Amino acid sequence: MQGDAHRHSGNKYGDLQEYWAAVEDYTRATVLEPGYAEPYYCRGVLHWREIGNYYRAIQDLSRFLELDPTRAEAYFNRGMAYKLHKQTDKAISDFEQYLAMGKDSYWLEAAGRQLAELRNEPGWETGASGAE
């Protein structure tokens, strides 16, 4: 699997904090094997956490979830990207999904904290804070 080789290479670049090289390898993996979910997840997390491109993170994590909707951690990560992209309603939905599916107590607690923080934002219940 050439796509998997590029995903592994992307992981190595990410570990070295060479984020753009990692993005390039994850992108090569998605071009070679568009149905291979893992590079979308890796690139999505890298985009929101290390690069600050929340829009791209949301795109990648959404594609990942189209291919593999069973991975709870993708909902948590996309929820973070939505939160940072000021899409509160969508972030809340993803954190709720993580709470329904997640198993790890540390991340369940973190998702609960994120959810509580978002629900305390003024206007969230009226839809005023979920703008695209």
N, C-alpha and C. Protein backbone atom coordinates (compact mmCIF):
# COMPACT_ATOMS: atom_id res chain seq x y z
N MET A 1 0.84 -1.19 0.00
CA MET A 1 0.00 0.00 0.00
C MET A 1 0.88 1.25 0.00
N GLN A 2 0.94 1.92 -1.14
CA GLN A 2 1.72 3.14 -1.20
C GLN A 2 1.15 4.24 -0.30
N GLY A 3 -0.17 4.28 -0.20
CA GLY A 3 -0.80 5.27 0.67
C GLY A 3 -0.37 5.11 2.11
N ASP A 4 -0.27 3.86 2.56
CA ASP A 4 0.15 3.61 3.93
C ASP A 4 1.60 4.03 4.16
N ALA A 5 2.45 3.81 3.17
CA ALA A 5 3.85 4.24 3.29
C ALA A 5 3.94 5.75 3.45
N HIS A 6 3.13 6.48 2.69
CA HIS A 6 3.14 7.94 2.82
C HIS A 6 2.54 8.38 4.15
N ARG A 7 1.56 7.64 4.66
CA ARG A 7 1.01 7.98 5.97
C ARG A 7 2.08 7.81 7.03
N HIS A 8 2.81 6.70 6.98
CA HIS A 8 3.89 6.48 7.95
C HIS A 8 4.95 7.57 7.85
N SER A 9 5.28 7.95 6.64
CA SER A 9 6.25 9.02 6.44
C SER A 9 5.72 10.33 7.01
N GLY A 10 4.46 10.59 6.81
CA GLY A 10 3.83 11.79 7.38
C GLY A 10 3.91 11.78 8.89
N ASN A 11 3.68 10.61 9.50
CA ASN A 11 3.78 10.51 10.95
C ASN A 11 5.19 10.85 11.42
N LYS A 12 6.20 10.36 10.70
CA LYS A 12 7.59 10.64 11.08
C LYS A 12 7.89 12.13 10.98
N TYR A 13 7.45 12.78 9.90
CA TYR A 13 7.65 14.22 9.78
C TYR A 13 6.94 14.98 10.90
N GLY A 14 5.73 14.54 11.22
CA GLY A 14 5.00 15.18 12.31
C GLY A 14 5.74 15.07 13.63
N ASP A 15 6.30 13.89 13.89
CA ASP A 15 7.07 13.70 15.12
C ASP A 15 8.28 14.63 15.17
N LEU A 16 8.83 14.95 14.01
CA LEU A 16 9.99 15.84 13.93
C LEU A 16 9.59 17.32 13.88
N GLN A 17 8.31 17.58 14.00
CA GLN A 17 7.74 18.92 13.92
C GLN A 17 7.98 19.56 12.55
N GLU A 18 8.08 18.75 11.53
CA GLU A 18 8.15 19.23 10.15
C GLU A 18 6.74 19.08 9.56
N TYR A 19 5.86 19.97 9.98
CA TYR A 19 4.44 19.80 9.74
C TYR A 19 4.06 19.88 8.27
N TRP A 20 4.67 20.78 7.51
CA TRP A 20 4.29 20.89 6.11
C TRP A 20 4.75 19.68 5.31
N ALA A 21 5.87 19.10 5.67
CA ALA A 21 6.31 17.87 5.01
C ALA A 21 5.34 16.74 5.35
N ALA A 22 4.86 16.73 6.59
CA ALA A 22 3.87 15.71 6.99
C ALA A 22 2.58 15.89 6.19
N VAL A 23 2.11 17.12 6.05
CA VAL A 23 0.90 17.39 5.27
C VAL A 23 1.08 16.89 3.84
N GLU A 24 2.24 17.13 3.25
CA GLU A 24 2.50 16.67 1.88
C GLU A 24 2.41 15.15 1.78
N ASP A 25 2.99 14.45 2.74
CA ASP A 25 2.92 12.98 2.68
C ASP A 25 1.50 12.47 2.92
N TYR A 26 0.78 13.06 3.85
CA TYR A 26 -0.62 12.65 4.05
C TYR A 26 -1.43 12.92 2.79
N THR A 27 -1.16 14.03 2.13
CA THR A 27 -1.87 14.35 0.89
C THR A 27 -1.55 13.33 -0.19
N ARG A 28 -0.28 12.95 -0.32
CA ARG A 28 0.09 11.91 -1.29
C ARG A 28 -0.67 10.62 -1.00
N ALA A 29 -0.79 10.28 0.28
CA ALA A 29 -1.52 9.06 0.66
C ALA A 29 -2.98 9.13 0.23
N THR A 30 -3.61 10.31 0.40
CA THR A 30 -5.02 10.44 0.02
C THR A 30 -5.20 10.42 -1.49
N VAL A 31 -4.21 10.90 -2.23
CA VAL A 31 -4.29 10.87 -3.70
C VAL A 31 -4.13 9.43 -4.20
N LEU A 32 -3.19 8.72 -3.61
CA LEU A 32 -2.94 7.34 -4.03
C LEU A 32 -4.09 6.40 -3.65
N GLU A 33 -4.67 6.64 -2.48
CA GLU A 33 -5.76 5.78 -1.99
C GLU A 33 -6.84 6.64 -1.34
N PRO A 34 -7.74 7.23 -2.15
CA PRO A 34 -8.76 8.13 -1.62
C PRO A 34 -9.69 7.50 -0.58
N GLY A 35 -9.83 6.19 -0.60
CA GLY A 35 -10.70 5.51 0.36
C GLY A 35 -10.00 5.08 1.64
N TYR A 36 -8.74 5.41 1.77
CA TYR A 36 -7.95 5.06 2.95
C TYR A 36 -8.14 6.17 3.98
N ALA A 37 -8.81 5.88 5.07
CA ALA A 37 -9.26 6.90 6.02
C ALA A 37 -8.16 7.53 6.85
N GLU A 38 -7.20 6.75 7.28
CA GLU A 38 -6.24 7.20 8.29
C GLU A 38 -5.47 8.48 7.94
N PRO A 39 -5.01 8.67 6.70
CA PRO A 39 -4.29 9.92 6.41
C PRO A 39 -5.16 11.17 6.58
N TYR A 40 -6.47 11.05 6.33
CA TYR A 40 -7.36 12.18 6.54
C TYR A 40 -7.41 12.55 8.03
N TYR A 41 -7.46 11.53 8.87
CA TYR A 41 -7.48 11.77 10.32
C TYR A 41 -6.18 12.44 10.75
N CYS A 42 -5.06 11.87 10.36
CA CYS A 42 -3.76 12.40 10.76
C CYS A 42 -3.57 13.84 10.28
N ARG A 43 -3.91 14.09 9.03
CA ARG A 43 -3.75 15.43 8.47
C ARG A 43 -4.72 16.40 9.14
N GLY A 44 -5.94 15.95 9.43
CA GLY A 44 -6.91 16.81 10.10
C GLY A 44 -6.46 17.23 11.48
N VAL A 45 -5.95 16.29 12.26
CA VAL A 45 -5.45 16.62 13.60
C VAL A 45 -4.27 17.58 13.50
N LEU A 46 -3.38 17.33 12.58
CA LEU A 46 -2.23 18.19 12.37
C LEU A 46 -2.66 19.61 12.01
N HIS A 47 -3.68 19.71 11.15
CA HIS A 47 -4.16 21.03 10.73
C HIS A 47 -4.70 21.84 11.89
N TRP A 48 -5.50 21.24 12.77
CA TRP A 48 -6.07 22.06 13.84
C TRP A 48 -5.10 22.26 14.98
N ARG A 49 -4.34 21.25 15.32
CA ARG A 49 -3.52 21.31 16.52
C ARG A 49 -2.18 22.01 16.31
N GLU A 50 -1.55 21.78 15.19
CA GLU A 50 -0.20 22.30 14.99
C GLU A 50 -0.14 23.48 14.03
N ILE A 51 -1.01 23.51 13.03
CA ILE A 51 -0.93 24.53 11.98
C ILE A 51 -1.94 25.64 12.20
N GLY A 52 -3.08 25.32 12.82
CA GLY A 52 -4.10 26.34 13.07
C GLY A 52 -5.03 26.59 11.90
N ASN A 53 -5.10 25.64 10.97
CA ASN A 53 -6.01 25.77 9.84
C ASN A 53 -7.26 24.93 10.16
N TYR A 54 -8.19 25.56 10.86
CA TYR A 54 -9.36 24.84 11.36
C TYR A 54 -10.30 24.41 10.24
N TYR A 55 -10.39 25.24 9.22
CA TYR A 55 -11.25 24.89 8.07
C TYR A 55 -10.78 23.59 7.42
N ARG A 56 -9.48 23.49 7.15
CA ARG A 56 -8.93 22.26 6.54
C ARG A 56 -9.07 21.08 7.49
N ALA A 57 -8.89 21.32 8.78
CA ALA A 57 -9.05 20.24 9.76
C ALA A 57 -10.47 19.69 9.70
N ILE A 58 -11.44 20.57 9.64
CA ILE A 58 -12.85 20.14 9.58
C ILE A 58 -13.10 19.34 8.31
N GLN A 59 -12.55 19.80 7.19
CA GLN A 59 -12.72 19.06 5.93
C GLN A 59 -12.14 17.64 6.05
N ASP A 60 -10.91 17.55 6.53
CA ASP A 60 -10.25 16.24 6.62
C ASP A 60 -10.95 15.32 7.61
N LEU A 61 -11.30 15.84 8.77
CA LEU A 61 -11.94 14.99 9.77
C LEU A 61 -13.35 14.59 9.34
N SER A 62 -14.03 15.46 8.60
CA SER A 62 -15.35 15.09 8.06
C SER A 62 -15.20 13.98 7.03
N ARG A 63 -14.20 14.07 6.17
CA ARG A 63 -13.95 13.00 5.18
C ARG A 63 -13.61 11.70 5.91
N PHE A 64 -12.77 11.79 6.92
CA PHE A 64 -12.43 10.61 7.70
C PHE A 64 -13.70 9.96 8.25
N LEU A 65 -14.59 10.77 8.83
CA LEU A 65 -15.81 10.22 9.43
C LEU A 65 -16.77 9.67 8.38
N GLU A 66 -16.72 10.16 7.15
CA GLU A 66 -17.49 9.54 6.06
C GLU A 66 -17.00 8.12 5.82
N LEU A 67 -15.68 7.95 5.89
CA LEU A 67 -15.07 6.64 5.63
C LEU A 67 -15.12 5.72 6.84
N ASP A 68 -15.04 6.28 8.05
CA ASP A 68 -15.02 5.48 9.28
C ASP A 68 -15.73 6.21 10.41
N PRO A 69 -17.07 6.13 10.47
CA PRO A 69 -17.82 6.86 11.49
C PRO A 69 -17.75 6.24 12.89
N THR A 70 -16.99 5.17 13.05
CA THR A 70 -16.95 4.48 14.34
C THR A 70 -15.83 4.97 15.26
N ARG A 71 -14.95 5.83 14.79
CA ARG A 71 -13.81 6.29 15.59
C ARG A 71 -14.18 7.52 16.40
N ALA A 72 -14.45 7.32 17.66
CA ALA A 72 -14.92 8.40 18.52
C ALA A 72 -13.96 9.58 18.58
N GLU A 73 -12.65 9.30 18.57
CA GLU A 73 -11.68 10.39 18.71
C GLU A 73 -11.75 11.38 17.56
N ALA A 74 -12.26 10.97 16.42
CA ALA A 74 -12.41 11.90 15.30
C ALA A 74 -13.48 12.95 15.62
N TYR A 75 -14.52 12.55 16.35
CA TYR A 75 -15.54 13.51 16.75
C TYR A 75 -14.96 14.53 17.74
N PHE A 76 -14.14 14.05 18.67
CA PHE A 76 -13.51 14.97 19.62
C PHE A 76 -12.64 15.98 18.88
N ASN A 77 -11.79 15.49 18.00
CA ASN A 77 -10.88 16.37 17.27
C ASN A 77 -11.61 17.34 16.35
N ARG A 78 -12.63 16.85 15.67
CA ARG A 78 -13.41 17.76 14.82
C ARG A 78 -14.16 18.77 15.68
N GLY A 79 -14.61 18.33 16.85
CA GLY A 79 -15.25 19.27 17.78
C GLY A 79 -14.33 20.40 18.18
N MET A 80 -13.05 20.06 18.41
CA MET A 80 -12.06 21.10 18.74
C MET A 80 -11.88 22.05 17.55
N ALA A 81 -11.80 21.50 16.36
CA ALA A 81 -11.63 22.36 15.17
C ALA A 81 -12.86 23.26 14.99
N TYR A 82 -14.06 22.70 15.17
CA TYR A 82 -15.27 23.52 15.07
C TYR A 82 -15.25 24.62 16.13
N LYS A 83 -14.86 24.28 17.34
CA LYS A 83 -14.82 25.27 18.42
C LYS A 83 -13.88 26.40 18.06
N LEU A 84 -12.69 26.07 17.60
CA LEU A 84 -11.70 27.09 17.26
C LEU A 84 -12.09 27.87 16.00
N HIS A 85 -12.93 27.27 15.17
CA HIS A 85 -13.44 27.94 13.96
C HIS A 85 -14.73 28.70 14.26
N LYS A 86 -15.10 28.77 15.53
CA LYS A 86 -16.28 29.51 16.01
C LYS A 86 -17.60 28.95 15.47
N GLN A 87 -17.66 27.63 15.31
CA GLN A 87 -18.90 26.97 14.91
C GLN A 87 -19.41 26.18 16.12
N THR A 88 -19.94 26.93 17.07
CA THR A 88 -20.29 26.38 18.37
C THR A 88 -21.30 25.25 18.30
N ASP A 89 -22.37 25.41 17.54
CA ASP A 89 -23.39 24.37 17.48
C ASP A 89 -22.83 23.04 16.97
N LYS A 90 -21.97 23.12 15.96
CA LYS A 90 -21.37 21.90 15.41
C LYS A 90 -20.37 21.31 16.39
N ALA A 91 -19.64 22.15 17.09
CA ALA A 91 -18.71 21.66 18.11
C ALA A 91 -19.47 20.92 19.21
N ILE A 92 -20.56 21.51 19.66
CA ILE A 92 -21.38 20.87 20.70
C ILE A 92 -21.86 19.51 20.22
N SER A 93 -22.35 19.44 19.00
CA SER A 93 -22.83 18.17 18.45
C SER A 93 -21.73 17.11 18.44
N ASP A 94 -20.52 17.50 18.03
CA ASP A 94 -19.42 16.53 17.98
C ASP A 94 -18.99 16.09 19.37
N PHE A 95 -18.94 17.02 20.33
CA PHE A 95 -18.56 16.62 21.68
C PHE A 95 -19.63 15.70 22.29
N GLU A 96 -20.90 15.97 21.99
CA GLU A 96 -21.96 15.08 22.46
C GLU A 96 -21.81 13.68 21.85
N GLN A 97 -21.45 13.64 20.56
CA GLN A 97 -21.23 12.36 19.89
C GLN A 97 -20.06 11.62 20.53
N TYR A 98 -18.99 12.35 20.84
CA TYR A 98 -17.85 11.72 21.50
C TYR A 98 -18.27 11.15 22.86
N LEU A 99 -19.05 11.91 23.61
CA LEU A 99 -19.49 11.43 24.93
C LEU A 99 -20.34 10.17 24.80
N ALA A 100 -21.08 10.05 23.71
CA ALA A 100 -21.91 8.85 23.50
C ALA A 100 -21.08 7.64 23.07
N MET A 101 -19.95 7.87 22.40
CA MET A 101 -19.17 6.78 21.83
C MET A 101 -17.85 6.50 22.54
N GLY A 102 -17.27 7.52 23.15
CA GLY A 102 -15.92 7.42 23.69
C GLY A 102 -15.81 6.45 24.86
N LYS A 103 -14.60 5.95 25.04
CA LYS A 103 -14.34 4.98 26.12
C LYS A 103 -13.28 5.46 27.11
N ASP A 104 -12.40 6.34 26.69
CA ASP A 104 -11.28 6.78 27.51
C ASP A 104 -11.73 7.83 28.52
N SER A 105 -11.56 7.54 29.81
CA SER A 105 -12.07 8.44 30.85
C SER A 105 -11.44 9.83 30.81
N TYR A 106 -10.16 9.91 30.48
CA TYR A 106 -9.50 11.22 30.39
C TYR A 106 -10.17 12.08 29.32
N TRP A 107 -10.36 11.51 28.12
CA TRP A 107 -10.94 12.28 27.02
C TRP A 107 -12.43 12.50 27.20
N LEU A 108 -13.11 11.58 27.88
CA LEU A 108 -14.52 11.81 28.19
C LEU A 108 -14.67 13.02 29.10
N GLU A 109 -13.78 13.13 30.09
CA GLU A 109 -13.80 14.28 30.98
C GLU A 109 -13.47 15.56 30.21
N ALA A 110 -12.48 15.48 29.32
CA ALA A 110 -12.10 16.65 28.51
C ALA A 110 -13.27 17.09 27.62
N ALA A 111 -13.96 16.13 27.02
CA ALA A 111 -15.11 16.46 26.17
C ALA A 111 -16.21 17.11 26.99
N GLY A 112 -16.44 16.60 28.19
CA GLY A 112 -17.43 17.20 29.08
C GLY A 112 -17.09 18.64 29.44
N ARG A 113 -15.81 18.90 29.69
CA ARG A 113 -15.37 20.28 29.99
C ARG A 113 -15.57 21.19 28.78
N GLN A 114 -15.22 20.69 27.60
CA GLN A 114 -15.40 21.49 26.38
C GLN A 114 -16.88 21.81 26.17
N LEU A 115 -17.71 20.81 26.37
CA LEU A 115 -19.15 20.99 26.20
C LEU A 115 -19.70 22.03 27.18
N ALA A 116 -19.30 21.93 28.44
CA ALA A 116 -19.75 22.89 29.45
C ALA A 116 -19.30 24.30 29.09
N GLU A 117 -18.07 24.43 28.64
CA GLU A 117 -17.54 25.74 28.25
C GLU A 117 -18.33 26.32 27.08
N LEU A 118 -18.60 25.49 26.10
CA LEU A 118 -19.35 25.97 24.93
C LEU A 118 -20.78 26.35 25.28
N ARG A 119 -21.37 25.59 26.15
CA ARG A 119 -22.77 25.88 26.53
C ARG A 119 -22.88 27.13 27.38
N ASN A 120 -21.78 27.58 27.94
CA ASN A 120 -21.78 28.82 28.72
C ASN A 120 -21.55 30.05 27.86
N GLU A 121 -21.26 29.85 26.56
CA GLU A 121 -21.08 30.99 25.66
C GLU A 121 -22.44 31.65 25.42
N PRO A 122 -22.48 32.97 25.47
CA PRO A 122 -23.74 33.67 25.22
C PRO A 122 -24.25 33.39 23.80
N GLY A 123 -25.54 33.11 23.70
CA GLY A 123 -26.19 32.98 22.41
C GLY A 123 -26.12 31.61 21.77
N TRP A 124 -25.45 30.63 22.38
CA TRP A 124 -25.30 29.34 21.69
C TRP A 124 -26.64 28.67 21.46
N GLU A 125 -27.56 28.78 22.42
CA GLU A 125 -28.83 28.07 22.29
C GLU A 125 -29.75 28.67 21.24
N THR A 126 -29.46 29.87 20.79
CA THR A 126 -30.29 30.49 19.77
C THR A 126 -29.73 30.27 18.37
N GLY A 127 -28.57 29.62 18.30
CA GLY A 127 -27.94 29.40 17.00
C GLY A 127 -27.10 30.58 16.55
N ALA A 128 -26.97 31.60 17.40
CA ALA A 128 -26.22 32.79 17.01
C ALA A 128 -24.73 32.55 16.90
N SER A 129 -24.23 31.46 17.50
CA SER A 129 -22.77 31.25 17.49
C SER A 129 -22.36 30.09 16.60
N GLY A 130 -23.19 29.66 15.70
CA GLY A 130 -22.83 28.55 14.84
C GLY A 130 -22.63 28.94 13.39
N ALA A 131 -22.28 30.18 13.16
CA ALA A 131 -22.15 30.66 11.79
C ALA A 131 -21.04 29.95 11.03
N GLU A 132 -21.24 29.78 9.75
CA GLU A 132 -20.24 29.14 8.87
C GLU A 132 -19.09 30.07 8.66
